[in-house]
Amino acid sequence: MAHKEGGTEQGFVKTGDNLGAKATMVGAPTAGGGVVVEVREKKGPLRAAIPTMPFPVAVICLFLNTFIPGLGTFISAFTVLCGARSDLISERGLCCVFWLNVAAALIQILTAVIMVGWIMSIFWGMDMVILAISDGYRDQGLPQDV
C-alpha cells in the first residue's frame, strides 16, 4: 500500500476524518520512536475553486448563503475576478475558476428545494470563512492550528 519515492514513503491513511487522504511519511523517526506523518486533503475541482477572500467578505458570503442559498457563492465568484486567490487558478485559469464558482452557486440554488443545496450552501460559506481565517494566519506568520 505504501511505496518509496525519493527518500520519503507515500501511502494512504485511513482515519475517520480523512478516508483515502494522501500522506507523506517522513523517514526520520521522532524522539518518541514514532514516524512524522503529514496529511493533505485532496480537493475536487469545485472545492478547490473556492476563493480565499478577506475575512469580512467571507462572513458576509456565509450569512447570504445561510439565508439565500447560492447567493454568497455567486458573489464569491466575482471576488475571483477582483483578485481573490484560489488553489485552482494556476492550473485552470481565472475564467474557469469564475465559472466553476458560478456553477456551484447554480447547483446550490437549484437543489435548495430539496434541502441539499441549502446545506451545501452553508458548508460552502463555512469553507470560505475557514479559508479566510487560515489565510489571515498565513499572512501574519502565525502557526495554523485552525
C-alpha atoms as a PDB file:
ATOM      1  CA  MET A   1       0.000   0.000   0.000  1.00  0.00           C
ATOM      2  CA  ALA A   2       2.947   2.366   0.550  1.00  0.00           C
ATOM      3  CA  HIS A   3       5.829   2.937  -1.840  1.00  0.00           C
ATOM      4  CA  LYS A   4       9.192   4.708  -1.639  1.00  0.00           C
ATOM      5  CA  GLU A   5       9.639   7.912  -3.575  1.00  0.00           C
ATOM      6  CA  GLY A   6      12.833   9.981  -3.286  1.00  0.00           C
ATOM      7  CA  GLY A   7      13.600   9.324   0.386  1.00  0.00           C
ATOM      8  CA  THR A   8      10.019   9.576   1.597  1.00  0.00           C
ATOM      9  CA  GLU A   9       7.412   6.884   1.780  1.00  0.00           C
ATOM     10  CA  GLN A  10       3.971   7.631   0.386  1.00  0.00           C
ATOM     11  CA  GLY A  11       0.743   5.832   1.164  1.00  0.00           C
ATOM     12  CA  PHE A  12      -2.889   6.321   2.048  1.00  0.00           C
ATOM     13  CA  VAL A  13      -4.026   6.906   5.598  1.00  0.00           C
ATOM     14  CA  LYS A  14      -7.488   5.651   6.555  1.00  0.00           C
ATOM     15  CA  THR A  15      -8.792   7.513   9.569  1.00  0.00           C
ATOM     16  CA  GLY A  16     -12.308   8.569  10.463  1.00  0.00           C
ATOM     17  CA  ASP A  17     -11.881  12.081   9.055  1.00  0.00           C
ATOM     18  CA  ASN A  18      -9.657  11.637   6.005  1.00  0.00           C
ATOM     19  CA  LEU A  19     -10.548   8.426   4.212  1.00  0.00           C
ATOM     20  CA  GLY A  20      -8.023   7.885   1.474  1.00  0.00           C
ATOM     21  CA  ALA A  21      -6.158  11.140   2.147  1.00  0.00           C
ATOM     22  CA  LYS A  22      -2.674  11.080   0.683  1.00  0.00           C
ATOM     23  CA  ALA A  23       0.005  11.069   3.345  1.00  0.00           C
ATOM     24  CA  THR A  24       3.726  11.676   3.161  1.00  0.00           C
ATOM     25  CA  MET A  25       5.606   9.822   5.864  1.00  0.00           C
ATOM     26  CA  VAL A  26       8.974  11.343   6.641  1.00  0.00           C
ATOM     27  CA  GLY A  27      11.536   8.581   7.139  1.00  0.00           C
ATOM     28  CA  ALA A  28      13.213  10.018  10.258  1.00  0.00           C
ATOM     29  CA  PRO A  29      11.750   8.633  13.494  1.00  0.00           C
ATOM     30  CA  THR A  30      10.855  11.136  16.206  1.00  0.00           C
ATOM     31  CA  ALA A  31      12.195  11.131  19.765  1.00  0.00           C
ATOM     32  CA  GLY A  32       9.270   9.003  20.948  1.00  0.00           C
ATOM     33  CA  GLY A  33      10.005   6.337  18.332  1.00  0.00           C
ATOM     34  CA  GLY A  34       7.082   7.255  16.038  1.00  0.00           C
ATOM     35  CA  VAL A  35       7.065   8.489  12.462  1.00  0.00           C
ATOM     36  CA  VAL A  36       6.060  12.014  11.442  1.00  0.00           C
ATOM     37  CA  VAL A  37       3.045  11.916   9.108  1.00  0.00           C
ATOM     38  CA  GLU A  38       1.803  14.830   7.008  1.00  0.00           C
ATOM     39  CA  VAL A  39      -1.751  14.559   5.667  1.00  0.00           C
ATOM     40  CA  ARG A  40      -3.058  16.799   2.880  1.00  0.00           C
ATOM     41  CA  GLU A  41      -6.720  16.866   1.934  1.00  0.00           C
ATOM     42  CA  LYS A  42      -7.377  16.128  -1.717  1.00  0.00           C
ATOM     43  CA  LYS A  43      -9.851  18.669  -3.096  1.00  0.00           C
ATOM     44  CA  GLY A  44     -12.162  18.243  -6.067  1.00  0.00           C
ATOM     45  CA  PRO A  45     -12.350  20.990  -8.705  1.00  0.00           C
ATOM     46  CA  LEU A  46     -15.403  22.717  -7.216  1.00  0.00           C
ATOM     47  CA  ARG A  47     -13.938  22.690  -3.695  1.00  0.00           C
ATOM     48  CA  ALA A  48     -10.524  23.871  -4.928  1.00  0.00           C
ATOM     49  CA  ALA A  49     -12.198  26.763  -6.790  1.00  0.00           C
ATOM     50  CA  ILE A  50     -13.476  28.391  -3.570  1.00  0.00           C
ATOM     51  CA  PRO A  51     -11.692  31.758  -3.409  1.00  0.00           C
ATOM     52  CA  THR A  52      -9.702  32.945  -0.403  1.00  0.00           C
ATOM     53  CA  MET A  53     -11.329  36.270   0.446  1.00  0.00           C
ATOM     54  CA  PRO A  54     -10.820  38.823   3.211  1.00  0.00           C
ATOM     55  CA  PHE A  55     -12.493  37.722   6.448  1.00  0.00           C
ATOM     56  CA  PRO A  56     -15.369  40.268   6.438  1.00  0.00           C
ATOM     57  CA  VAL A  57     -16.318  39.372   2.834  1.00  0.00           C
ATOM     58  CA  ALA A  58     -16.239  35.655   3.689  1.00  0.00           C
ATOM     59  CA  VAL A  59     -18.546  36.233   6.685  1.00  0.00           C
ATOM     60  CA  ILE A  60     -20.978  38.203   4.504  1.00  0.00           C
ATOM     61  CA  CYS A  61     -20.977  35.364   1.944  1.00  0.00           C
ATOM     62  CA  LEU A  62     -21.639  32.836   4.736  1.00  0.00           C
ATOM     63  CA  PHE A  63     -24.539  34.975   6.002  1.00  0.00           C
ATOM     64  CA  LEU A  64     -26.002  35.265   2.488  1.00  0.00           C
ATOM     65  CA  ASN A  65     -25.545  31.518   1.824  1.00  0.00           C
ATOM     66  CA  THR A  66     -27.353  30.739   5.077  1.00  0.00           C
ATOM     67  CA  PHE A  67     -30.484  32.698   4.230  1.00  0.00           C
ATOM     68  CA  ILE A  68     -30.497  32.733   0.399  1.00  0.00           C
ATOM     69  CA  PRO A  69     -28.768  29.540  -0.811  1.00  0.00           C
ATOM     70  CA  GLY A  70     -26.199  30.168  -3.528  1.00  0.00           C
ATOM     71  CA  LEU A  71     -26.154  33.976  -3.332  1.00  0.00           C
ATOM     72  CA  GLY A  72     -22.943  34.156  -1.279  1.00  0.00           C
ATOM     73  CA  THR A  73     -21.296  31.630  -3.602  1.00  0.00           C
ATOM     74  CA  PHE A  74     -22.395  33.671  -6.621  1.00  0.00           C
ATOM     75  CA  ILE A  75     -20.888  36.833  -5.095  1.00  0.00           C
ATOM     76  CA  SER A  76     -17.691  34.936  -4.250  1.00  0.00           C
ATOM     77  CA  ALA A  77     -17.345  34.094  -7.957  1.00  0.00           C
ATOM     78  CA  PHE A  78     -16.960  37.803  -8.662  1.00  0.00           C
ATOM     79  CA  THR A  79     -14.302  38.163  -5.953  1.00  0.00           C
ATOM     80  CA  VAL A  80     -12.163  35.862  -8.102  1.00  0.00           C
ATOM     81  CA  LEU A  81     -12.326  38.493 -10.861  1.00  0.00           C
ATOM     82  CA  CYS A  82     -11.377  41.144  -8.279  1.00  0.00           C
ATOM     83  CA  GLY A  83      -8.170  39.357  -7.266  1.00  0.00           C
ATOM     84  CA  ALA A  84      -9.167  36.763  -4.661  1.00  0.00           C
ATOM     85  CA  ARG A  85      -6.828  33.758  -4.736  1.00  0.00           C
ATOM     86  CA  SER A  86      -7.858  30.160  -5.306  1.00  0.00           C
ATOM     87  CA  ASP A  87      -5.971  26.848  -5.344  1.00  0.00           C
ATOM     88  CA  LEU A  88      -7.126  26.221  -8.893  1.00  0.00           C
ATOM     89  CA  ILE A  89      -6.226  29.498 -10.663  1.00  0.00           C
ATOM     90  CA  SER A  90      -2.676  28.397 -11.509  1.00  0.00           C
ATOM     91  CA  GLU A  91      -3.915  25.135 -13.055  1.00  0.00           C
ATOM     92  CA  ARG A  92      -7.113  26.158 -14.866  1.00  0.00           C
ATOM     93  CA  GLY A  93      -7.044  29.937 -15.184  1.00  0.00           C
ATOM     94  CA  LEU A  94      -9.135  32.798 -13.865  1.00  0.00           C
ATOM     95  CA  CYS A  95     -12.139  32.376 -16.168  1.00  0.00           C
ATOM     96  CA  CYS A  96     -12.509  28.673 -15.427  1.00  0.00           C
ATOM     97  CA  VAL A  97     -12.409  29.290 -11.653  1.00  0.00           C
ATOM     98  CA  PHE A  98     -15.033  32.034 -12.047  1.00  0.00           C
ATOM     99  CA  TRP A  99     -17.354  29.712 -13.998  1.00  0.00           C
ATOM    100  CA  LEU A 100     -16.806  26.843 -11.544  1.00  0.00           C
ATOM    101  CA  ASN A 101     -17.976  29.127  -8.724  1.00  0.00           C
ATOM    102  CA  VAL A 102     -20.993  30.232 -10.778  1.00  0.00           C
ATOM    103  CA  ALA A 103     -21.776  26.552 -11.449  1.00  0.00           C
ATOM    104  CA  ALA A 104     -21.518  25.775  -7.712  1.00  0.00           C
ATOM    105  CA  ALA A 105     -23.928  28.652  -6.987  1.00  0.00           C
ATOM    106  CA  LEU A 106     -26.403  27.357  -9.582  1.00  0.00           C
ATOM    107  CA  ILE A 107     -26.191  23.840  -8.141  1.00  0.00           C
ATOM    108  CA  GLN A 108     -26.902  25.261  -4.679  1.00  0.00           C
ATOM    109  CA  ILE A 109     -29.851  27.331  -5.935  1.00  0.00           C
ATOM    110  CA  LEU A 110     -31.417  24.534  -7.974  1.00  0.00           C
ATOM    111  CA  THR A 111     -31.087  21.869  -5.277  1.00  0.00           C
ATOM    112  CA  ALA A 112     -32.155  24.144  -2.398  1.00  0.00           C
ATOM    113  CA  VAL A 113     -35.748  22.968  -2.910  1.00  0.00           C
ATOM    114  CA  ILE A 114     -34.821  19.504  -1.630  1.00  0.00           C
ATOM    115  CA  MET A 115     -32.614  20.940   1.187  1.00  0.00           C
ATOM    116  CA  VAL A 116     -29.393  19.560  -0.357  1.00  0.00           C
ATOM    117  CA  GLY A 117     -28.460  22.908  -1.897  1.00  0.00           C
ATOM    118  CA  TRP A 118     -29.227  24.815   1.286  1.00  0.00           C
ATOM    119  CA  ILE A 119     -26.978  22.541   3.349  1.00  0.00           C
ATOM    120  CA  MET A 120     -24.278  22.633   0.648  1.00  0.00           C
ATOM    121  CA  SER A 121     -24.549  26.415   0.590  1.00  0.00           C
ATOM    122  CA  ILE A 122     -23.996  26.701   4.354  1.00  0.00           C
ATOM    123  CA  PHE A 123     -20.988  24.373   4.229  1.00  0.00           C
ATOM    124  CA  TRP A 124     -19.623  26.344   1.267  1.00  0.00           C
ATOM    125  CA  GLY A 125     -19.885  29.552   3.298  1.00  0.00           C
ATOM    126  CA  MET A 126     -18.169  27.896   6.261  1.00  0.00           C
ATOM    127  CA  ASP A 127     -15.332  26.801   3.947  1.00  0.00           C
ATOM    128  CA  MET A 128     -14.975  30.418   2.771  1.00  0.00           C
ATOM    129  CA  VAL A 129     -14.631  31.620   6.360  1.00  0.00           C
ATOM    130  CA  ILE A 130     -12.159  28.833   7.222  1.00  0.00           C
ATOM    131  CA  LEU A 131     -10.043  29.724   4.171  1.00  0.00           C
ATOM    132  CA  ALA A 132     -10.129  33.424   5.146  1.00  0.00           C
ATOM    133  CA  ILE A 133      -9.058  32.621   8.713  1.00  0.00           C
ATOM    134  CA  SER A 134      -6.224  30.304   7.644  1.00  0.00           C
ATOM    135  CA  ASP A 135      -5.048  32.883   5.089  1.00  0.00           C
ATOM    136  CA  GLY A 136      -5.037  35.538   7.829  1.00  0.00           C
ATOM    137  CA  TYR A 137      -2.819  33.328   9.973  1.00  0.00           C
ATOM    138  CA  ARG A 138      -0.530  32.682   6.995  1.00  0.00           C
ATOM    139  CA  ASP A 139      -0.206  36.437   6.282  1.00  0.00           C
ATOM    140  CA  GLN A 140       0.681  37.180   9.909  1.00  0.00           C
ATOM    141  CA  GLY A 141       3.193  34.330  10.119  1.00  0.00           C
ATOM    142  CA  LEU A 142       1.280  32.662  12.965  1.00  0.00           C
ATOM    143  CA  PRO A 143       1.001  28.878  13.322  1.00  0.00           C
ATOM    144  CA  GLN A 144      -2.015  27.411  11.531  1.00  0.00           C
ATOM    145  CA  ASP A 145      -3.731  25.370  14.242  1.00  0.00           C
ATOM    146  CA  VAL A 146      -7.199  26.286  12.983  1.00  0.00           C
END
